[in-house]
Amino acid sequence: MTQSKEVKRKPLEFYLSLKYPMSLYPEEDGGYTVTIPDLPGCLAQGDSLEEAIENINEARELWIETVYRSDKKTIPLPSRTIR
């Protein structure tokens, strides 16, 4: 009997509820760039801090939804716990 190594994924809502650490960088020309290092390629910009945070939250949701629906990659869990 062979044992399946397939990992059962949790519902999409689980991944969308996770809180990931972010890196925030002020830009020389003004505004901010925000990245989520745990989600490769997930970044956003904004003219204000509030806009940058709003944009990265939208980018995070789209990143997770795209990967979840592609079935090609697993969605990494946050590298550290944020409360």
PDB file of N, CA and C in Angstrom:
ATOM      1  N   MET A   1       0.847  -1.169   0.000  1.00  0.00           N
ATOM      2  CA  MET A   1       0.000   0.000   0.000  1.00  0.00           C
ATOM      3  C   MET A   1       0.897   1.238   0.000  1.00  0.00           C
ATOM      4  N   THR A   2       0.678   2.121  -0.970  1.00  0.00           N
ATOM      5  CA  THR A   2       1.461   3.345  -1.012  1.00  0.00           C
ATOM      6  C   THR A   2       0.693   4.467  -0.347  1.00  0.00           C
ATOM      7  N   GLN A   3       1.433   5.272   0.335  1.00  0.00           N
ATOM      8  CA  GLN A   3       0.809   6.373   1.060  1.00  0.00           C
ATOM      9  C   GLN A   3       0.898   7.634   0.204  1.00  0.00           C
ATOM     10  N   SER A   4      -0.198   8.336   0.066  1.00  0.00           N
ATOM     11  CA  SER A   4      -0.237   9.553  -0.726  1.00  0.00           C
ATOM     12  C   SER A   4       0.514  10.670  -0.006  1.00  0.00           C
ATOM     13  N   LYS A   5       1.332  11.399  -0.771  1.00  0.00           N
ATOM     14  CA  LYS A   5       2.060  12.523  -0.197  1.00  0.00           C
ATOM     15  C   LYS A   5       1.348  13.843  -0.505  1.00  0.00           C
ATOM     16  N   GLU A   6       0.145  13.749  -1.060  1.00  0.00           N
ATOM     17  CA  GLU A   6      -0.619  14.942  -1.376  1.00  0.00           C
ATOM     18  C   GLU A   6      -1.014  15.661  -0.092  1.00  0.00           C
ATOM     19  N   VAL A   7      -0.791  16.950  -0.071  1.00  0.00           N
ATOM     20  CA  VAL A   7      -1.119  17.754   1.103  1.00  0.00           C
ATOM     21  C   VAL A   7      -2.511  18.347   0.891  1.00  0.00           C
ATOM     22  N   LYS A   8      -3.358  18.151   1.861  1.00  0.00           N
ATOM     23  CA  LYS A   8      -4.704  18.708   1.773  1.00  0.00           C
ATOM     24  C   LYS A   8      -4.644  20.188   2.140  1.00  0.00           C
ATOM     25  N   ARG A   9      -5.096  21.020   1.220  1.00  0.00           N
ATOM     26  CA  ARG A   9      -5.077  22.456   1.479  1.00  0.00           C
ATOM     27  C   ARG A   9      -6.299  22.873   2.280  1.00  0.00           C
ATOM     28  N   LYS A  10      -6.108  23.924   3.015  1.00  0.00           N
ATOM     29  CA  LYS A  10      -7.204  24.503   3.796  1.00  0.00           C
ATOM     30  C   LYS A  10      -8.054  25.376   2.870  1.00  0.00           C
ATOM     31  N   PRO A  11      -9.231  25.782   3.316  1.00  0.00           N
ATOM     32  CA  PRO A  11     -10.077  26.656   2.487  1.00  0.00           C
ATOM     33  C   PRO A  11      -9.385  27.995   2.206  1.00  0.00           C
ATOM     34  N   LEU A  12      -9.751  28.611   1.103  1.00  0.00           N
ATOM     35  CA  LEU A  12      -9.182  29.896   0.705  1.00  0.00           C
ATOM     36  C   LEU A  12      -9.300  30.930   1.817  1.00  0.00           C
ATOM     37  N   GLU A  13     -10.408  30.943   2.531  1.00  0.00           N
ATOM     38  CA  GLU A  13     -10.634  31.920   3.592  1.00  0.00           C
ATOM     39  C   GLU A  13      -9.559  31.838   4.678  1.00  0.00           C
ATOM     40  N   PHE A  14      -9.045  30.629   4.928  1.00  0.00           N
ATOM     41  CA  PHE A  14      -7.977  30.468   5.924  1.00  0.00           C
ATOM     42  C   PHE A  14      -6.754  31.277   5.509  1.00  0.00           C
ATOM     43  N   TYR A  15      -6.323  31.105   4.262  1.00  0.00           N
ATOM     44  CA  TYR A  15      -5.126  31.796   3.787  1.00  0.00           C
ATOM     45  C   TYR A  15      -5.337  33.310   3.732  1.00  0.00           C
ATOM     46  N   LEU A  16      -6.537  33.739   3.345  1.00  0.00           N
ATOM     47  CA  LEU A  16      -6.821  35.171   3.290  1.00  0.00           C
ATOM     48  C   LEU A  16      -6.836  35.814   4.671  1.00  0.00           C
ATOM     49  N   SER A  17      -7.078  35.026   5.716  1.00  0.00           N
ATOM     50  CA  SER A  17      -7.128  35.582   7.074  1.00  0.00           C
ATOM     51  C   SER A  17      -5.753  35.680   7.737  1.00  0.00           C
ATOM     52  N   LEU A  18      -4.733  35.090   7.129  1.00  0.00           N
ATOM     53  CA  LEU A  18      -3.396  35.120   7.725  1.00  0.00           C
ATOM     54  C   LEU A  18      -2.809  36.530   7.677  1.00  0.00           C
ATOM     55  N   LYS A  19      -2.025  36.858   8.686  1.00  0.00           N
ATOM     56  CA  LYS A  19      -1.365  38.158   8.757  1.00  0.00           C
ATOM     57  C   LYS A  19       0.123  37.949   8.479  1.00  0.00           C
ATOM     58  N   TYR A  20       0.597  38.539   7.399  1.00  0.00           N
ATOM     59  CA  TYR A  20       1.989  38.396   6.978  1.00  0.00           C
ATOM     60  C   TYR A  20       2.804  39.623   7.360  1.00  0.00           C
ATOM     61  N   PRO A  21       4.061  39.419   7.752  1.00  0.00           N
ATOM     62  CA  PRO A  21       4.927  40.570   8.003  1.00  0.00           C
ATOM     63  C   PRO A  21       5.199  41.309   6.691  1.00  0.00           C
ATOM     64  N   MET A  22       5.291  42.627   6.782  1.00  0.00           N
ATOM     65  CA  MET A  22       5.521  43.466   5.608  1.00  0.00           C
ATOM     66  C   MET A  22       6.788  44.278   5.796  1.00  0.00           C
ATOM     67  N   SER A  23       7.401  44.617   4.679  1.00  0.00           N
ATOM     68  CA  SER A  23       8.540  45.538   4.687  1.00  0.00           C
ATOM     69  C   SER A  23       8.096  46.808   3.980  1.00  0.00           C
ATOM     70  N   LEU A  24       8.341  47.932   4.606  1.00  0.00           N
ATOM     71  CA  LEU A  24       7.892  49.224   4.097  1.00  0.00           C
ATOM     72  C   LEU A  24       9.107  50.105   3.833  1.00  0.00           C
ATOM     73  N   TYR A  25       9.147  50.690   2.632  1.00  0.00           N
ATOM     74  CA  TYR A  25      10.278  51.522   2.246  1.00  0.00           C
ATOM     75  C   TYR A  25       9.786  52.874   1.733  1.00  0.00           C
ATOM     76  N   PRO A  26      10.271  53.973   2.317  1.00  0.00           N
ATOM     77  CA  PRO A  26       9.943  55.282   1.735  1.00  0.00           C
ATOM     78  C   PRO A  26      10.739  55.464   0.437  1.00  0.00           C
ATOM     79  N   GLU A  27      10.118  56.034  -0.581  1.00  0.00           N
ATOM     80  CA  GLU A  27      10.775  56.277  -1.859  1.00  0.00           C
ATOM     81  C   GLU A  27      11.386  57.674  -1.884  1.00  0.00           C
ATOM     82  N   GLU A  28      12.497  57.843  -2.577  1.00  0.00           N
ATOM     83  CA  GLU A  28      13.178  59.139  -2.655  1.00  0.00           C
ATOM     84  C   GLU A  28      12.281  60.215  -3.261  1.00  0.00           C
ATOM     85  N   ASP A  29      11.481  59.825  -4.241  1.00  0.00           N
ATOM     86  CA  ASP A  29      10.611  60.780  -4.925  1.00  0.00           C
ATOM     87  C   ASP A  29       9.285  60.998  -4.196  1.00  0.00           C
ATOM     88  N   GLY A  30       9.129  60.367  -3.054  1.00  0.00           N
ATOM     89  CA  GLY A  30       7.879  60.448  -2.297  1.00  0.00           C
ATOM     90  C   GLY A  30       7.103  59.157  -2.417  1.00  0.00           C
ATOM     91  N   GLY A  31       6.234  58.932  -1.494  1.00  0.00           N
ATOM     92  CA  GLY A  31       5.444  57.715  -1.484  1.00  0.00           C
ATOM     93  C   GLY A  31       6.185  56.566  -0.819  1.00  0.00           C
ATOM     94  N   TYR A  32       5.562  55.403  -0.886  1.00  0.00           N
ATOM     95  CA  TYR A  32       6.088  54.227  -0.196  1.00  0.00           C
ATOM     96  C   TYR A  32       5.949  52.988  -1.071  1.00  0.00           C
ATOM     97  N   THR A  33       6.865  52.058  -0.875  1.00  0.00           N
ATOM     98  CA  THR A  33       6.772  50.725  -1.460  1.00  0.00           C
ATOM     99  C   THR A  33       6.661  49.742  -0.317  1.00  0.00           C
ATOM    100  N   VAL A  34       5.752  48.777  -0.454  1.00  0.00           N
ATOM    101  CA  VAL A  34       5.546  47.758   0.575  1.00  0.00           C
ATOM    102  C   VAL A  34       5.668  46.391  -0.089  1.00  0.00           C
ATOM    103  N   THR A  35       6.385  45.484   0.572  1.00  0.00           N
ATOM    104  CA  THR A  35       6.501  44.114   0.086  1.00  0.00           C
ATOM    105  C   THR A  35       6.095  43.141   1.189  1.00  0.00           C
ATOM    106  N   ILE A  36       5.708  41.946   0.764  1.00  0.00           N
ATOM    107  CA  ILE A  36       5.475  40.847   1.700  1.00  0.00           C
ATOM    108  C   ILE A  36       6.493  39.773   1.336  1.00  0.00           C
ATOM    109  N   PRO A  37       7.612  39.709   2.054  1.00  0.00           N
ATOM    110  CA  PRO A  37       8.687  38.789   1.700  1.00  0.00           C
ATOM    111  C   PRO A  37       8.267  37.310   1.620  1.00  0.00           C
ATOM    112  N   ASP A  38       7.275  36.912   2.404  1.00  0.00           N
ATOM    113  CA  ASP A  38       6.830  35.513   2.380  1.00  0.00           C
ATOM    114  C   ASP A  38       6.072  35.158   1.110  1.00  0.00           C
ATOM    115  N   LEU A  39       5.598  36.165   0.378  1.00  0.00           N
ATOM    116  CA  LEU A  39       4.839  35.944  -0.855  1.00  0.00           C
ATOM    117  C   LEU A  39       5.640  36.542  -2.011  1.00  0.00           C
ATOM    118  N   PRO A  40       6.494  35.757  -2.658  1.00  0.00           N
ATOM    119  CA  PRO A  40       7.405  36.274  -3.688  1.00  0.00           C
ATOM    120  C   PRO A  40       6.686  37.080  -4.769  1.00  0.00           C
ATOM    121  N   GLY A  41       7.193  38.289  -4.988  1.00  0.00           N
ATOM    122  CA  GLY A  41       6.633  39.154  -6.010  1.00  0.00           C
ATOM    123  C   GLY A  41       5.439  39.970  -5.565  1.00  0.00           C
ATOM    124  N   CYS A  42       5.026  39.819  -4.325  1.00  0.00           N
ATOM    125  CA  CYS A  42       3.868  40.563  -3.821  1.00  0.00           C
ATOM    126  C   CYS A  42       4.353  41.908  -3.297  1.00  0.00           C
ATOM    127  N   LEU A  43       4.059  42.970  -4.055  1.00  0.00           N
ATOM    128  CA  LEU A  43       4.461  44.308  -3.639  1.00  0.00           C
ATOM    129  C   LEU A  43       3.445  45.313  -4.127  1.00  0.00           C
ATOM    130  N   ALA A  44       3.474  46.483  -3.517  1.00  0.00           N
ATOM    131  CA  ALA A  44       2.565  47.564  -3.886  1.00  0.00           C
ATOM    132  C   ALA A  44       3.219  48.886  -3.527  1.00  0.00           C
ATOM    133  N   GLN A  45       2.659  49.953  -4.096  1.00  0.00           N
ATOM    134  CA  GLN A  45       3.138  51.288  -3.802  1.00  0.00           C
ATOM    135  C   GLN A  45       1.951  52.189  -3.494  1.00  0.00           C
ATOM    136  N   GLY A  46       2.247  53.314  -2.882  1.00  0.00           N
ATOM    137  CA  GLY A  46       1.211  54.305  -2.612  1.00  0.00           C
ATOM    138  C   GLY A  46       1.842  55.649  -2.344  1.00  0.00           C
ATOM    139  N   ASP A  47       1.088  56.706  -2.641  1.00  0.00           N
ATOM    140  CA  ASP A  47       1.586  58.057  -2.391  1.00  0.00           C
ATOM    141  C   ASP A  47       1.650  58.374  -0.901  1.00  0.00           C
ATOM    142  N   SER A  48       0.768  57.750  -0.114  1.00  0.00           N
ATOM    143  CA  SER A  48       0.780  57.933   1.337  1.00  0.00           C
ATOM    144  C   SER A  48       0.942  56.561   1.992  1.00  0.00           C
ATOM    145  N   LEU A  49       1.249  56.563   3.260  1.00  0.00           N
ATOM    146  CA  LEU A  49       1.377  55.315   4.003  1.00  0.00           C
ATOM    147  C   LEU A  49       0.052  54.548   3.976  1.00  0.00           C
ATOM    148  N   GLU A  50      -1.043  55.259   4.177  1.00  0.00           N
ATOM    149  CA  GLU A  50      -2.355  54.617   4.179  1.00  0.00           C
ATOM    150  C   GLU A  50      -2.666  53.965   2.828  1.00  0.00           C
ATOM    151  N   GLU A  51      -2.354  54.671   1.745  1.00  0.00           N
ATOM    152  CA  GLU A  51      -2.608  54.136   0.407  1.00  0.00           C
ATOM    153  C   GLU A  51      -1.725  52.917   0.137  1.00  0.00           C
ATOM    154  N   ALA A  52      -0.480  52.969   0.558  1.00  0.00           N
ATOM    155  CA  ALA A  52       0.432  51.843   0.359  1.00  0.00           C
ATOM    156  C   ALA A  52      -0.059  50.598   1.105  1.00  0.00           C
ATOM    157  N   ILE A  53      -0.532  50.769   2.335  1.00  0.00           N
ATOM    158  CA  ILE A  53      -1.044  49.643   3.120  1.00  0.00           C
ATOM    159  C   ILE A  53      -2.319  49.092   2.489  1.00  0.00           C
ATOM    160  N   GLU A  54      -3.197  49.972   2.047  1.00  0.00           N
ATOM    161  CA  GLU A  54      -4.422  49.531   1.374  1.00  0.00           C
ATOM    162  C   GLU A  54      -4.081  48.733   0.107  1.00  0.00           C
ATOM    163  N   ASN A  55      -3.120  49.242  -0.654  1.00  0.00           N
ATOM    164  CA  ASN A  55      -2.729  48.576  -1.902  1.00  0.00           C
ATOM    165  C   ASN A  55      -2.058  47.225  -1.655  1.00  0.00           C
ATOM    166  N   ILE A  56      -1.225  47.121  -0.609  1.00  0.00           N
ATOM    167  CA  ILE A  56      -0.564  45.833  -0.355  1.00  0.00           C
ATOM    168  C   ILE A  56      -1.581  44.810   0.142  1.00  0.00           C
ATOM    169  N   ASN A  57      -2.586  45.249   0.875  1.00  0.00           N
ATOM    170  CA  ASN A  57      -3.621  44.305   1.320  1.00  0.00           C
ATOM    171  C   ASN A  57      -4.388  43.746   0.129  1.00  0.00           C
ATOM    172  N   GLU A  58      -4.674  44.600  -0.847  1.00  0.00           N
ATOM    173  CA  GLU A  58      -5.339  44.137  -2.068  1.00  0.00           C
ATOM    174  C   GLU A  58      -4.411  43.203  -2.857  1.00  0.00           C
ATOM    175  N   ALA A  59      -3.138  43.569  -2.968  1.00  0.00           N
ATOM    176  CA  ALA A  59      -2.174  42.729  -3.685  1.00  0.00           C
ATOM    177  C   ALA A  59      -2.022  41.363  -3.008  1.00  0.00           C
ATOM    178  N   ARG A  60      -2.016  41.335  -1.665  1.00  0.00           N
ATOM    179  CA  ARG A  60      -1.907  40.074  -0.920  1.00  0.00           C
ATOM    180  C   ARG A  60      -3.092  39.168  -1.238  1.00  0.00           C
ATOM    181  N   GLU A  61      -4.291  39.743  -1.211  1.00  0.00           N
ATOM    182  CA  GLU A  61      -5.479  38.940  -1.514  1.00  0.00           C
ATOM    183  C   GLU A  61      -5.423  38.375  -2.928  1.00  0.00           C
ATOM    184  N   LEU A  62      -5.053  39.208  -3.898  1.00  0.00           N
ATOM    185  CA  LEU A  62      -4.964  38.744  -5.283  1.00  0.00           C
ATOM    186  C   LEU A  62      -3.877  37.685  -5.457  1.00  0.00           C
ATOM    187  N   TRP A  63      -2.742  37.878  -4.791  1.00  0.00           N
ATOM    188  CA  TRP A  63      -1.643  36.901  -4.862  1.00  0.00           C
ATOM    189  C   TRP A  63      -2.126  35.548  -4.346  1.00  0.00           C
ATOM    190  N   ILE A  64      -2.734  35.554  -3.174  1.00  0.00           N
ATOM    191  CA  ILE A  64      -3.195  34.303  -2.557  1.00  0.00           C
ATOM    192  C   ILE A  64      -4.283  33.649  -3.417  1.00  0.00           C
ATOM    193  N   GLU A  65      -5.247  34.422  -3.881  1.00  0.00           N
ATOM    194  CA  GLU A  65      -6.319  33.854  -4.703  1.00  0.00           C
ATOM    195  C   GLU A  65      -5.774  33.253  -5.999  1.00  0.00           C
ATOM    196  N   THR A  66      -4.827  33.929  -6.635  1.00  0.00           N
ATOM    197  CA  THR A  66      -4.242  33.432  -7.883  1.00  0.00           C
ATOM    198  C   THR A  66      -3.496  32.123  -7.659  1.00  0.00           C
ATOM    199  N   VAL A  67      -2.668  32.079  -6.644  1.00  0.00           N
ATOM    200  CA  VAL A  67      -1.905  30.858  -6.355  1.00  0.00           C
ATOM    201  C   VAL A  67      -2.839  29.735  -5.931  1.00  0.00           C
ATOM    202  N   TYR A  68      -3.833  30.043  -5.123  1.00  0.00           N
ATOM    203  CA  TYR A  68      -4.780  29.033  -4.641  1.00  0.00           C
ATOM    204  C   TYR A  68      -5.515  28.380  -5.814  1.00  0.00           C
ATOM    205  N   ARG A  69      -5.925  29.191  -6.759  1.00  0.00           N
ATOM    206  CA  ARG A  69      -6.683  28.664  -7.901  1.00  0.00           C
ATOM    207  C   ARG A  69      -5.797  27.979  -8.931  1.00  0.00           C
ATOM    208  N   SER A  70      -4.493  28.277  -8.943  1.00  0.00           N
ATOM    209  CA  SER A  70      -3.601  27.687  -9.945  1.00  0.00           C
ATOM    210  C   SER A  70      -3.246  26.236  -9.637  1.00  0.00           C
ATOM    211  N   ASP A  71      -3.315  25.840  -8.375  1.00  0.00           N
ATOM    212  CA  ASP A  71      -2.946  24.487  -7.951  1.00  0.00           C
ATOM    213  C   ASP A  71      -1.499  24.127  -8.284  1.00  0.00           C
ATOM    214  N   LYS A  72      -0.684  25.103  -8.619  1.00  0.00           N
ATOM    215  CA  LYS A  72       0.702  24.811  -8.986  1.00  0.00           C
ATOM    216  C   LYS A  72       1.669  24.986  -7.825  1.00  0.00           C
ATOM    217  N   LYS A  73       1.333  25.855  -6.914  1.00  0.00           N
ATOM    218  CA  LYS A  73       2.222  26.130  -5.785  1.00  0.00           C
ATOM    219  C   LYS A  73       1.435  26.061  -4.487  1.00  0.00           C
ATOM    220  N   THR A  74       2.174  25.880  -3.434  1.00  0.00           N
ATOM    221  CA  THR A  74       1.534  25.964  -2.129  1.00  0.00           C
ATOM    222  C   THR A  74       1.650  27.409  -1.638  1.00  0.00           C
ATOM    223  N   ILE A  75       0.757  27.787  -0.788  1.00  0.00           N
ATOM    224  CA  ILE A  75       0.771  29.134  -0.229  1.00  0.00           C
ATOM    225  C   ILE A  75       1.564  29.077   1.069  1.00  0.00           C
ATOM    226  N   PRO A  76       2.661  29.831   1.136  1.00  0.00           N
ATOM    227  CA  PRO A  76       3.471  29.793   2.355  1.00  0.00           C
ATOM    228  C   PRO A  76       2.740  30.412   3.539  1.00  0.00           C
ATOM    229  N   LEU A  77       2.969  29.842   4.690  1.00  0.00           N
ATOM    230  CA  LEU A  77       2.439  30.437   5.916  1.00  0.00           C
ATOM    231  C   LEU A  77       3.357  31.586   6.321  1.00  0.00           C
ATOM    232  N   PRO A  78       2.861  32.528   7.110  1.00  0.00           N
ATOM    233  CA  PRO A  78       3.719  33.622   7.558  1.00  0.00           C
ATOM    234  C   PRO A  78       4.955  33.109   8.283  1.00  0.00           C
ATOM    235  N   SER A  79       6.074  33.778   8.071  1.00  0.00           N
ATOM    236  CA  SER A  79       7.327  33.343   8.678  1.00  0.00           C
ATOM    237  C   SER A  79       7.359  33.590  10.173  1.00  0.00           C
ATOM    238  N   ARG A  80       6.508  34.472  10.669  1.00  0.00           N
ATOM    239  CA  ARG A  80       6.393  34.684  12.108  1.00  0.00           C
ATOM    240  C   ARG A  80       4.965  35.084  12.437  1.00  0.00           C
ATOM    241  N   THR A  81       4.606  34.894  13.661  1.00  0.00           N
ATOM    242  CA  THR A  81       3.256  35.183  14.099  1.00  0.00           C
ATOM    243  C   THR A  81       3.099  36.662  14.401  1.00  0.00           C
ATOM    244  N   ILE A  82       2.023  37.257  13.866  1.00  0.00           N
ATOM    245  CA  ILE A  82       1.714  38.653  14.127  1.00  0.00           C
ATOM    246  C   ILE A  82       0.339  38.692  14.773  1.00  0.00           C
ATOM    247  N   ARG A  83       0.219  39.421  15.838  1.00  0.00           N
ATOM    248  CA  ARG A  83      -1.067  39.507  16.530  1.00  0.00           C
ATOM    249  C   ARG A  83      -1.732  40.821  16.322  1.00  0.00           C
TER     250      ARG A  83
END
